[in-house]
């Protein structure tokens, strides 16, 4: 594969994240985050529970936070922050003539354990009724 244009730089203001498509094969979804010092291209979902980052991703300075469960990453160093337990996968990205170009050799995806796909009520439910005050 090769470098492919995904959008114009002007389409992603600093401090935002947007889902774009690499027009390769049937199209590959990519999220591009514009942080204080540049751009990062990643799969469009959080590696925790597949939350769409275009909906729940918050970029402040150089930090991306998935607001659903507060996993965060430093977009310059890719270091895990706060609650994050898994790293982000990344595509190479560059700005060229006002466009954002991503180098795609394959679609980057995370593997999710189906047992972890639980609803929020179950996630926050305390099965131990012994310590309930009400």
Foldseek 3Di string as FASTA:
>chain_A
DFKAFFWFPVVADEFAKDWTWGPDDVTAIWIWHHAPPGIWIFHQADLPQRHGCNVQWTHDHQKIFRNPVTWMARNVVQDTDDPDDDTTDTWDWDHDPRTIITTDPDHDDHDDDPVSPDDPCVVPDDPDPPPDPD
